[in-house]
Amino acid sequence: MKENRITVRFTDEQIQAISEKAASAQMTPSAYIRAAAMRHKVVVVDGLREMTHEVRGIGRNLNQLTILANEGRFTSPDLSKMVEKLDKIYGQLYILSDQERR
């Protein structure tokens, strides 16, 4: 539990820069500052929000298909488009992780 507080003053420009960096890292400004202060590497992945949205949609579709299959409404759905989308996302994530290792 966070019980202690440190007061730090920033210029308007610094606040703007921190807020933009935090937003691009999908973090709150406080979490971003804590991570930076503790020398944690803050990685910003362009397009991660879109990939996450796509994976969630695929998960919802898969869940709906599972329910329908368990109800006996069909036995062999065509999952080829879902597999293609997941392959594309996994490929993008592999490229990003490979770049991060360098």
PDB file of N, CA and C in Angstrom:
ATOM      1  N   MET A   1       0.836  -1.168   0.000  1.00  0.00           N
ATOM      2  CA  MET A   1       0.000   0.000   0.000  1.00  0.00           C
ATOM      3  C   MET A   1       0.890   1.242   0.000  1.00  0.00           C
ATOM      4  N   LYS A   2       0.533   2.185  -0.837  1.00  0.00           N
ATOM      5  CA  LYS A   2       1.323   3.413  -0.949  1.00  0.00           C
ATOM      6  C   LYS A   2       0.882   4.393   0.128  1.00  0.00           C
ATOM      7  N   GLU A   3       1.747   4.593   1.117  1.00  0.00           N
ATOM      8  CA  GLU A   3       1.403   5.462   2.233  1.00  0.00           C
ATOM      9  C   GLU A   3       2.197   6.762   2.234  1.00  0.00           C
ATOM     10  N   ASN A   4       3.292   6.814   1.523  1.00  0.00           N
ATOM     11  CA  ASN A   4       4.166   7.979   1.546  1.00  0.00           C
ATOM     12  C   ASN A   4       4.003   8.802   0.279  1.00  0.00           C
ATOM     13  N   ARG A   5       4.304  10.078   0.423  1.00  0.00           N
ATOM     14  CA  ARG A   5       4.151  10.998  -0.697  1.00  0.00           C
ATOM     15  C   ARG A   5       5.391  11.867  -0.806  1.00  0.00           C
ATOM     16  N   ILE A   6       5.817  12.116  -2.032  1.00  0.00           N
ATOM     17  CA  ILE A   6       6.897  13.055  -2.317  1.00  0.00           C
ATOM     18  C   ILE A   6       6.303  14.121  -3.229  1.00  0.00           C
ATOM     19  N   THR A   7       6.496  15.360  -2.882  1.00  0.00           N
ATOM     20  CA  THR A   7       6.001  16.452  -3.706  1.00  0.00           C
ATOM     21  C   THR A   7       7.111  16.900  -4.644  1.00  0.00           C
ATOM     22  N   VAL A   8       6.793  16.939  -5.913  1.00  0.00           N
ATOM     23  CA  VAL A   8       7.757  17.347  -6.936  1.00  0.00           C
ATOM     24  C   VAL A   8       7.096  18.420  -7.792  1.00  0.00           C
ATOM     25  N   ARG A   9       7.845  19.420  -8.132  1.00  0.00           N
ATOM     26  CA  ARG A   9       7.308  20.498  -8.975  1.00  0.00           C
ATOM     27  C   ARG A   9       7.826  20.328 -10.402  1.00  0.00           C
ATOM     28  N   PHE A  10       6.927  20.577 -11.362  1.00  0.00           N
ATOM     29  CA  PHE A  10       7.268  20.480 -12.774  1.00  0.00           C
ATOM     30  C   PHE A  10       6.809  21.736 -13.493  1.00  0.00           C
ATOM     31  N   THR A  11       7.478  22.040 -14.583  1.00  0.00           N
ATOM     32  CA  THR A  11       7.002  23.124 -15.439  1.00  0.00           C
ATOM     33  C   THR A  11       5.816  22.612 -16.241  1.00  0.00           C
ATOM     34  N   ASP A  12       5.087  23.508 -16.864  1.00  0.00           N
ATOM     35  CA  ASP A  12       3.965  23.099 -17.708  1.00  0.00           C
ATOM     36  C   ASP A  12       4.437  22.186 -18.835  1.00  0.00           C
ATOM     37  N   GLU A  13       5.604  22.512 -19.396  1.00  0.00           N
ATOM     38  CA  GLU A  13       6.142  21.699 -20.493  1.00  0.00           C
ATOM     39  C   GLU A  13       6.503  20.293 -20.015  1.00  0.00           C
ATOM     40  N   GLN A  14       7.073  20.206 -18.823  1.00  0.00           N
ATOM     41  CA  GLN A  14       7.433  18.897 -18.279  1.00  0.00           C
ATOM     42  C   GLN A  14       6.187  18.064 -18.000  1.00  0.00           C
ATOM     43  N   ILE A  15       5.168  18.690 -17.436  1.00  0.00           N
ATOM     44  CA  ILE A  15       3.911  17.973 -17.176  1.00  0.00           C
ATOM     45  C   ILE A  15       3.324  17.464 -18.482  1.00  0.00           C
ATOM     46  N   GLN A  16       3.344  18.290 -19.505  1.00  0.00           N
ATOM     47  CA  GLN A  16       2.818  17.888 -20.811  1.00  0.00           C
ATOM     48  C   GLN A  16       3.605  16.702 -21.365  1.00  0.00           C
ATOM     49  N   ALA A  17       4.931  16.775 -21.289  1.00  0.00           N
ATOM     50  CA  ALA A  17       5.773  15.688 -21.805  1.00  0.00           C
ATOM     51  C   ALA A  17       5.549  14.398 -21.018  1.00  0.00           C
ATOM     52  N   ILE A  18       5.485  14.500 -19.700  1.00  0.00           N
ATOM     53  CA  ILE A  18       5.249  13.308 -18.866  1.00  0.00           C
ATOM     54  C   ILE A  18       3.882  12.713 -19.160  1.00  0.00           C
ATOM     55  N   SER A  19       2.886  13.560 -19.280  1.00  0.00           N
ATOM     56  CA  SER A  19       1.524  13.080 -19.567  1.00  0.00           C
ATOM     57  C   SER A  19       1.460  12.373 -20.912  1.00  0.00           C
ATOM     58  N   GLU A  20       2.131  12.928 -21.916  1.00  0.00           N
ATOM     59  CA  GLU A  20       2.139  12.303 -23.247  1.00  0.00           C
ATOM     60  C   GLU A  20       2.869  10.961 -23.218  1.00  0.00           C
ATOM     61  N   LYS A  21       4.014  10.920 -22.551  1.00  0.00           N
ATOM     62  CA  LYS A  21       4.766   9.667 -22.462  1.00  0.00           C
ATOM     63  C   LYS A  21       3.984   8.613 -21.683  1.00  0.00           C
ATOM     64  N   ALA A  22       3.339   9.026 -20.615  1.00  0.00           N
ATOM     65  CA  ALA A  22       2.537   8.089 -19.821  1.00  0.00           C
ATOM     66  C   ALA A  22       1.375   7.561 -20.644  1.00  0.00           C
ATOM     67  N   ALA A  23       0.717   8.438 -21.370  1.00  0.00           N
ATOM     68  CA  ALA A  23      -0.422   8.007 -22.199  1.00  0.00           C
ATOM     69  C   ALA A  23       0.035   7.032 -23.279  1.00  0.00           C
ATOM     70  N   SER A  24       1.183   7.312 -23.904  1.00  0.00           N
ATOM     71  CA  SER A  24       1.653   6.402 -24.954  1.00  0.00           C
ATOM     72  C   SER A  24       2.077   5.061 -24.388  1.00  0.00           C
ATOM     73  N   ALA A  25       2.444   5.030 -23.097  1.00  0.00           N
ATOM     74  CA  ALA A  25       2.792   3.769 -22.430  1.00  0.00           C
ATOM     75  C   ALA A  25       1.574   3.136 -21.760  1.00  0.00           C
ATOM     76  N   GLN A  26       0.410   3.763 -21.930  1.00  0.00           N
ATOM     77  CA  GLN A  26      -0.837   3.303 -21.323  1.00  0.00           C
ATOM     78  C   GLN A  26      -0.683   3.207 -19.804  1.00  0.00           C
ATOM     79  N   MET A  27      -0.105   4.264 -19.242  1.00  0.00           N
ATOM     80  CA  MET A  27       0.114   4.340 -17.796  1.00  0.00           C
ATOM     81  C   MET A  27      -0.420   5.681 -17.298  1.00  0.00           C
ATOM     82  N   THR A  28      -0.696   5.739 -16.015  1.00  0.00           N
ATOM     83  CA  THR A  28      -1.004   7.031 -15.414  1.00  0.00           C
ATOM     84  C   THR A  28       0.307   7.793 -15.269  1.00  0.00           C
ATOM     85  N   PRO A  29       0.244   9.120 -15.201  1.00  0.00           N
ATOM     86  CA  PRO A  29       1.486   9.867 -14.976  1.00  0.00           C
ATOM     87  C   PRO A  29       2.200   9.425 -13.695  1.00  0.00           C
ATOM     88  N   SER A  30       1.468   9.146 -12.637  1.00  0.00           N
ATOM     89  CA  SER A  30       2.097   8.697 -11.387  1.00  0.00           C
ATOM     90  C   SER A  30       2.831   7.375 -11.581  1.00  0.00           C
ATOM     91  N   ALA A  31       2.183   6.420 -12.244  1.00  0.00           N
ATOM     92  CA  ALA A  31       2.818   5.119 -12.472  1.00  0.00           C
ATOM     93  C   ALA A  31       4.039   5.265 -13.369  1.00  0.00           C
ATOM     94  N   TYR A  32       3.951   6.146 -14.359  1.00  0.00           N
ATOM     95  CA  TYR A  32       5.076   6.378 -15.260  1.00  0.00           C
ATOM     96  C   TYR A  32       6.268   6.961 -14.494  1.00  0.00           C
ATOM     97  N   ILE A  33       6.003   7.958 -13.665  1.00  0.00           N
ATOM     98  CA  ILE A  33       7.074   8.586 -12.887  1.00  0.00           C
ATOM     99  C   ILE A  33       7.696   7.582 -11.924  1.00  0.00           C
ATOM    100  N   ARG A  34       6.870   6.766 -11.255  1.00  0.00           N
ATOM    101  CA  ARG A  34       7.411   5.745 -10.348  1.00  0.00           C
ATOM    102  C   ARG A  34       8.302   4.769 -11.104  1.00  0.00           C
ATOM    103  N   ALA A  35       7.843   4.315 -12.267  1.00  0.00           N
ATOM    104  CA  ALA A  35       8.637   3.358 -13.052  1.00  0.00           C
ATOM    105  C   ALA A  35       9.959   3.979 -13.487  1.00  0.00           C
ATOM    106  N   ALA A  36       9.904   5.222 -13.945  1.00  0.00           N
ATOM    107  CA  ALA A  36      11.129   5.894 -14.386  1.00  0.00           C
ATOM    108  C   ALA A  36      12.068   6.127 -13.206  1.00  0.00           C
ATOM    109  N   ALA A  37      11.532   6.507 -12.064  1.00  0.00           N
ATOM    110  CA  ALA A  37      12.357   6.782 -10.885  1.00  0.00           C
ATOM    111  C   ALA A  37      13.031   5.522 -10.357  1.00  0.00           C
ATOM    112  N   MET A  38      12.376   4.390 -10.509  1.00  0.00           N
ATOM    113  CA  MET A  38      12.933   3.136 -10.011  1.00  0.00           C
ATOM    114  C   MET A  38      13.813   2.464 -11.067  1.00  0.00           C
ATOM    115  N   ARG A  39      14.082   3.203 -12.138  1.00  0.00           N
ATOM    116  CA  ARG A  39      14.922   2.735 -13.244  1.00  0.00           C
ATOM    117  C   ARG A  39      14.340   1.518 -13.964  1.00  0.00           C
ATOM    118  N   HIS A  40      13.039   1.385 -13.901  1.00  0.00           N
ATOM    119  CA  HIS A  40      12.401   0.357 -14.692  1.00  0.00           C
ATOM    120  C   HIS A  40      12.381   0.830 -16.137  1.00  0.00           C
ATOM    121  N   LYS A  41      12.550  -0.075 -17.030  1.00  0.00           N
ATOM    122  CA  LYS A  41      12.491   0.297 -18.429  1.00  0.00           C
ATOM    123  C   LYS A  41      11.027   0.425 -18.829  1.00  0.00           C
ATOM    124  N   VAL A  42      10.656   1.575 -19.337  1.00  0.00           N
ATOM    125  CA  VAL A  42       9.290   1.815 -19.778  1.00  0.00           C
ATOM    126  C   VAL A  42       9.275   1.641 -21.293  1.00  0.00           C
ATOM    127  N   VAL A  43       8.560   0.641 -21.766  1.00  0.00           N
ATOM    128  CA  VAL A  43       8.522   0.324 -23.186  1.00  0.00           C
ATOM    129  C   VAL A  43       7.187   0.780 -23.757  1.00  0.00           C
ATOM    130  N   VAL A  44       7.259   1.547 -24.822  1.00  0.00           N
ATOM    131  CA  VAL A  44       6.063   2.005 -25.504  1.00  0.00           C
ATOM    132  C   VAL A  44       5.937   1.195 -26.790  1.00  0.00           C
ATOM    133  N   VAL A  45       4.799   0.552 -26.959  1.00  0.00           N
ATOM    134  CA  VAL A  45       4.568  -0.275 -28.132  1.00  0.00           C
ATOM    135  C   VAL A  45       3.459   0.362 -28.952  1.00  0.00           C
ATOM    136  N   ASP A  46       3.842   0.937 -30.096  1.00  0.00           N
ATOM    137  CA  ASP A  46       2.840   1.517 -30.980  1.00  0.00           C
ATOM    138  C   ASP A  46       1.939   0.415 -31.512  1.00  0.00           C
ATOM    139  N   GLY A  47       0.646   0.666 -31.478  1.00  0.00           N
ATOM    140  CA  GLY A  47      -0.311  -0.292 -32.008  1.00  0.00           C
ATOM    141  C   GLY A  47      -0.755  -1.352 -31.020  1.00  0.00           C
ATOM    142  N   LEU A  48      -0.231  -1.311 -29.799  1.00  0.00           N
ATOM    143  CA  LEU A  48      -0.594  -2.337 -28.821  1.00  0.00           C
ATOM    144  C   LEU A  48      -2.077  -2.255 -28.463  1.00  0.00           C
ATOM    145  N   ARG A  49      -2.604  -1.046 -28.354  1.00  0.00           N
ATOM    146  CA  ARG A  49      -4.013  -0.880 -28.012  1.00  0.00           C
ATOM    147  C   ARG A  49      -4.905  -1.535 -29.077  1.00  0.00           C
ATOM    148  N   GLU A  50      -4.553  -1.347 -30.348  1.00  0.00           N
ATOM    149  CA  GLU A  50      -5.339  -1.944 -31.425  1.00  0.00           C
ATOM    150  C   GLU A  50      -5.244  -3.465 -31.396  1.00  0.00           C
ATOM    151  N   MET A  51      -4.031  -3.978 -31.144  1.00  0.00           N
ATOM    152  CA  MET A  51      -3.861  -5.429 -31.074  1.00  0.00           C
ATOM    153  C   MET A  51      -4.646  -6.008 -29.898  1.00  0.00           C
ATOM    154  N   THR A  52      -4.613  -5.322 -28.773  1.00  0.00           N
ATOM    155  CA  THR A  52      -5.357  -5.775 -27.594  1.00  0.00           C
ATOM    156  C   THR A  52      -6.846  -5.798 -27.877  1.00  0.00           C
ATOM    157  N   HIS A  53      -7.333  -4.766 -28.551  1.00  0.00           N
ATOM    158  CA  HIS A  53      -8.750  -4.700 -28.914  1.00  0.00           C
ATOM    159  C   HIS A  53      -9.122  -5.875 -29.827  1.00  0.00           C
ATOM    160  N   GLU A  54      -8.266  -6.162 -30.785  1.00  0.00           N
ATOM    161  CA  GLU A  54      -8.516  -7.259 -31.723  1.00  0.00           C
ATOM    162  C   GLU A  54      -8.527  -8.611 -31.006  1.00  0.00           C
ATOM    163  N   VAL A  55      -7.579  -8.821 -30.096  1.00  0.00           N
ATOM    164  CA  VAL A  55      -7.513 -10.085 -29.352  1.00  0.00           C
ATOM    165  C   VAL A  55      -8.744 -10.252 -28.469  1.00  0.00           C
ATOM    166  N   ARG A  56      -9.190  -9.163 -27.843  1.00  0.00           N
ATOM    167  CA  ARG A  56     -10.407  -9.240 -27.028  1.00  0.00           C
ATOM    168  C   ARG A  56     -11.610  -9.627 -27.874  1.00  0.00           C
ATOM    169  N   GLY A  57     -11.719  -9.033 -29.052  1.00  0.00           N
ATOM    170  CA  GLY A  57     -12.823  -9.371 -29.950  1.00  0.00           C
ATOM    171  C   GLY A  57     -12.786 -10.830 -30.355  1.00  0.00           C
ATOM    172  N   ILE A  58     -11.599 -11.327 -30.657  1.00  0.00           N
ATOM    173  CA  ILE A  58     -11.452 -12.737 -31.017  1.00  0.00           C
ATOM    174  C   ILE A  58     -11.845 -13.615 -29.834  1.00  0.00           C
ATOM    175  N   GLY A  59     -11.440 -13.219 -28.634  1.00  0.00           N
ATOM    176  CA  GLY A  59     -11.809 -13.980 -27.436  1.00  0.00           C
ATOM    177  C   GLY A  59     -13.313 -14.029 -27.231  1.00  0.00           C
ATOM    178  N   ARG A  60     -13.977 -12.887 -27.431  1.00  0.00           N
ATOM    179  CA  ARG A  60     -15.447 -12.866 -27.308  1.00  0.00           C
ATOM    180  C   ARG A  60     -16.095 -13.787 -28.339  1.00  0.00           C
ATOM    181  N   ASN A  61     -15.612 -13.707 -29.578  1.00  0.00           N
ATOM    182  CA  ASN A  61     -16.170 -14.570 -30.625  1.00  0.00           C
ATOM    183  C   ASN A  61     -15.962 -16.042 -30.300  1.00  0.00           C
ATOM    184  N   LEU A  62     -14.781 -16.368 -29.823  1.00  0.00           N
ATOM    185  CA  LEU A  62     -14.484 -17.756 -29.478  1.00  0.00           C
ATOM    186  C   LEU A  62     -15.367 -18.224 -28.331  1.00  0.00           C
ATOM    187  N   ASN A  63     -15.590 -17.358 -27.349  1.00  0.00           N
ATOM    188  CA  ASN A  63     -16.466 -17.697 -26.235  1.00  0.00           C
ATOM    189  C   ASN A  63     -17.900 -17.951 -26.724  1.00  0.00           C
ATOM    190  N   GLN A  64     -18.391 -17.108 -27.614  1.00  0.00           N
ATOM    191  CA  GLN A  64     -19.740 -17.295 -28.163  1.00  0.00           C
ATOM    192  C   GLN A  64     -19.840 -18.598 -28.944  1.00  0.00           C
ATOM    193  N   LEU A  65     -18.807 -18.899 -29.729  1.00  0.00           N
ATOM    194  CA  LEU A  65     -18.804 -20.151 -30.490  1.00  0.00           C
ATOM    195  C   LEU A  65     -18.781 -21.361 -29.559  1.00  0.00           C
ATOM    196  N   THR A  66     -18.026 -21.260 -28.473  1.00  0.00           N
ATOM    197  CA  THR A  66     -17.963 -22.357 -27.507  1.00  0.00           C
ATOM    198  C   THR A  66     -19.322 -22.600 -26.872  1.00  0.00           C
ATOM    199  N   ILE A  67     -20.011 -21.532 -26.521  1.00  0.00           N
ATOM    200  CA  ILE A  67     -21.348 -21.669 -25.936  1.00  0.00           C
ATOM    201  C   ILE A  67     -22.288 -22.330 -26.923  1.00  0.00           C
ATOM    202  N   LEU A  68     -22.279 -21.867 -28.172  1.00  0.00           N
ATOM    203  CA  LEU A  68     -23.162 -22.452 -29.190  1.00  0.00           C
ATOM    204  C   LEU A  68     -22.833 -23.925 -29.436  1.00  0.00           C
ATOM    205  N   ALA A  69     -21.540 -24.250 -29.452  1.00  0.00           N
ATOM    206  CA  ALA A  69     -21.145 -25.645 -29.671  1.00  0.00           C
ATOM    207  C   ALA A  69     -21.587 -26.513 -28.503  1.00  0.00           C
ATOM    208  N   ASN A  70     -21.456 -26.005 -27.282  1.00  0.00           N
ATOM    209  CA  ASN A  70     -21.891 -26.762 -26.107  1.00  0.00           C
ATOM    210  C   ASN A  70     -23.404 -26.950 -26.070  1.00  0.00           C
ATOM    211  N   GLU A  71     -24.128 -26.021 -26.677  1.00  0.00           N
ATOM    212  CA  GLU A  71     -25.584 -26.151 -26.770  1.00  0.00           C
ATOM    213  C   GLU A  71     -25.996 -27.084 -27.903  1.00  0.00           C
ATOM    214  N   GLY A  72     -25.024 -27.527 -28.692  1.00  0.00           N
ATOM    215  CA  GLY A  72     -25.305 -28.451 -29.782  1.00  0.00           C
ATOM    216  C   GLY A  72     -25.823 -27.787 -31.040  1.00  0.00           C
ATOM    217  N   ARG A  73     -25.660 -26.495 -31.173  1.00  0.00           N
ATOM    218  CA  ARG A  73     -26.168 -25.784 -32.350  1.00  0.00           C
ATOM    219  C   ARG A  73     -25.332 -26.037 -33.603  1.00  0.00           C
ATOM    220  N   PHE A  74     -24.058 -26.378 -33.425  1.00  0.00           N
ATOM    221  CA  PHE A  74     -23.209 -26.787 -34.544  1.00  0.00           C
ATOM    222  C   PHE A  74     -22.019 -27.548 -33.994  1.00  0.00           C
ATOM    223  N   THR A  75     -21.318 -28.235 -34.883  1.00  0.00           N
ATOM    224  CA  THR A  75     -20.212 -29.069 -34.408  1.00  0.00           C
ATOM    225  C   THR A  75     -18.856 -28.661 -34.971  1.00  0.00           C
ATOM    226  N   SER A  76     -18.803 -27.999 -36.127  1.00  0.00           N
ATOM    227  CA  SER A  76     -17.491 -27.674 -36.694  1.00  0.00           C
ATOM    228  C   SER A  76     -17.490 -26.267 -37.299  1.00  0.00           C
ATOM    229  N   PRO A  77     -17.212 -25.265 -36.475  1.00  0.00           N
ATOM    230  CA  PRO A  77     -17.178 -23.892 -36.997  1.00  0.00           C
ATOM    231  C   PRO A  77     -15.931 -23.654 -37.833  1.00  0.00           C
ATOM    232  N   ASP A  78     -16.009 -22.701 -38.745  1.00  0.00           N
ATOM    233  CA  ASP A  78     -14.857 -22.315 -39.561  1.00  0.00           C
ATOM    234  C   ASP A  78     -14.084 -21.241 -38.802  1.00  0.00           C
ATOM    235  N   LEU A  79     -12.949 -21.608 -38.264  1.00  0.00           N
ATOM    236  CA  LEU A  79     -12.143 -20.694 -37.467  1.00  0.00           C
ATOM    237  C   LEU A  79     -10.946 -20.145 -38.243  1.00  0.00           C
ATOM    238  N   SER A  80     -10.941 -20.331 -39.559  1.00  0.00           N
ATOM    239  CA  SER A  80      -9.763 -19.946 -40.342  1.00  0.00           C
ATOM    240  C   SER A  80      -9.486 -18.445 -40.286  1.00  0.00           C
ATOM    241  N   LYS A  81     -10.527 -17.596 -40.329  1.00  0.00           N
ATOM    242  CA  LYS A  81     -10.293 -16.149 -40.259  1.00  0.00           C
ATOM    243  C   LYS A  81      -9.738 -15.753 -38.887  1.00  0.00           C
ATOM    244  N   MET A  82     -10.238 -16.398 -37.838  1.00  0.00           N
ATOM    245  CA  MET A  82      -9.766 -16.118 -36.494  1.00  0.00           C
ATOM    246  C   MET A  82      -8.288 -16.512 -36.369  1.00  0.00           C
ATOM    247  N   VAL A  83      -7.942 -17.646 -36.921  1.00  0.00           N
ATOM    248  CA  VAL A  83      -6.554 -18.115 -36.863  1.00  0.00           C
ATOM    249  C   VAL A  83      -5.645 -17.174 -37.657  1.00  0.00           C
ATOM    250  N   GLU A  84      -6.121 -16.694 -38.815  1.00  0.00           N
ATOM    251  CA  GLU A  84      -5.332 -15.753 -39.618  1.00  0.00           C
ATOM    252  C   GLU A  84      -5.062 -14.461 -38.840  1.00  0.00           C
ATOM    253  N   LYS A  85      -6.088 -13.930 -38.183  1.00  0.00           N
ATOM    254  CA  LYS A  85      -5.915 -12.699 -37.411  1.00  0.00           C
ATOM    255  C   LYS A  85      -4.948 -12.911 -36.256  1.00  0.00           C
ATOM    256  N   LEU A  86      -5.083 -14.041 -35.555  1.00  0.00           N
ATOM    257  CA  LEU A  86      -4.167 -14.327 -34.445  1.00  0.00           C
ATOM    258  C   LEU A  86      -2.734 -14.500 -34.941  1.00  0.00           C
ATOM    259  N   ASP A  87      -2.556 -15.161 -36.087  1.00  0.00           N
ATOM    260  CA  ASP A  87      -1.219 -15.318 -36.660  1.00  0.00           C
ATOM    261  C   ASP A  87      -0.600 -13.955 -36.961  1.00  0.00           C
ATOM    262  N   LYS A  88      -1.401 -13.048 -37.499  1.00  0.00           N
ATOM    263  CA  LYS A  88      -0.909 -11.705 -37.816  1.00  0.00           C
ATOM    264  C   LYS A  88      -0.502 -10.977 -36.536  1.00  0.00           C
ATOM    265  N   ILE A  89      -1.331 -11.057 -35.500  1.00  0.00           N
ATOM    266  CA  ILE A  89      -1.024 -10.397 -34.233  1.00  0.00           C
ATOM    267  C   ILE A  89       0.219 -11.001 -33.596  1.00  0.00           C
ATOM    268  N   TYR A  90       0.321 -12.321 -33.575  1.00  0.00           N
ATOM    269  CA  TYR A  90       1.504 -12.974 -33.011  1.00  0.00           C
ATOM    270  C   TYR A  90       2.760 -12.582 -33.783  1.00  0.00           C
ATOM    271  N   GLY A  91       2.642 -12.458 -35.095  1.00  0.00           N
ATOM    272  CA  GLY A  91       3.776 -12.028 -35.913  1.00  0.00           C
ATOM    273  C   GLY A  91       4.223 -10.626 -35.552  1.00  0.00           C
ATOM    274  N   GLN A  92       3.271  -9.717 -35.372  1.00  0.00           N
ATOM    275  CA  GLN A  92       3.597  -8.349 -34.992  1.00  0.00           C
ATOM    276  C   GLN A  92       4.241  -8.312 -33.601  1.00  0.00           C
ATOM    277  N   LEU A  93       3.700  -9.092 -32.669  1.00  0.00           N
ATOM    278  CA  LEU A  93       4.267  -9.135 -31.324  1.00  0.00           C
ATOM    279  C   LEU A  93       5.679  -9.713 -31.336  1.00  0.00           C
ATOM    280  N   TYR A  94       5.921 -10.709 -32.191  1.00  0.00           N
ATOM    281  CA  TYR A  94       7.255 -11.292 -32.298  1.00  0.00           C
ATOM    282  C   TYR A  94       8.254 -10.251 -32.792  1.00  0.00           C
ATOM    283  N   ILE A  95       7.856  -9.479 -33.811  1.00  0.00           N
ATOM    284  CA  ILE A  95       8.728  -8.432 -34.340  1.00  0.00           C
ATOM    285  C   ILE A  95       9.031  -7.407 -33.259  1.00  0.00           C
ATOM    286  N   LEU A  96       8.012  -6.996 -32.521  1.00  0.00           N
ATOM    287  CA  LEU A  96       8.206  -6.013 -31.453  1.00  0.00           C
ATOM    288  C   LEU A  96       9.125  -6.541 -30.366  1.00  0.00           C
ATOM    289  N   SER A  97       8.922  -7.780 -29.959  1.00  0.00           N
ATOM    290  CA  SER A  97       9.762  -8.346 -28.897  1.00  0.00           C
ATOM    291  C   SER A  97      11.185  -8.545 -29.390  1.00  0.00           C
ATOM    292  N   ASP A  98      11.365  -8.875 -30.665  1.00  0.00           N
ATOM    293  CA  ASP A  98      12.695  -9.049 -31.229  1.00  0.00           C
ATOM    294  C   ASP A  98      13.432  -7.705 -31.261  1.00  0.00           C
ATOM    295  N   GLN A  99      12.714  -6.641 -31.626  1.00  0.00           N
ATOM    296  CA  GLN A  99      13.318  -5.302 -31.619  1.00  0.00           C
ATOM    297  C   GLN A  99      13.687  -4.892 -30.208  1.00  0.00           C
ATOM    298  N   GLU A 100      12.888  -5.260 -29.237  1.00  0.00           N
ATOM    299  CA  GLU A 100      13.131  -4.878 -27.843  1.00  0.00           C
ATOM    300  C   GLU A 100      14.396  -5.550 -27.306  1.00  0.00           C
ATOM    301  N   ARG A 101      14.673  -6.762 -27.752  1.00  0.00           N
ATOM    302  CA  ARG A 101      15.844  -7.486 -27.263  1.00  0.00           C
ATOM    303  C   ARG A 101      17.143  -6.874 -27.747  1.00  0.00           C
ATOM    304  N   ARG A 102      17.100  -6.110 -28.818  1.00  0.00           N
ATOM    305  CA  ARG A 102      18.350  -5.542 -29.407  1.00  0.00           C
ATOM    306  C   ARG A 102      18.866  -4.393 -28.638  1.00  0.00           C
TER     307      ARG A 102
END
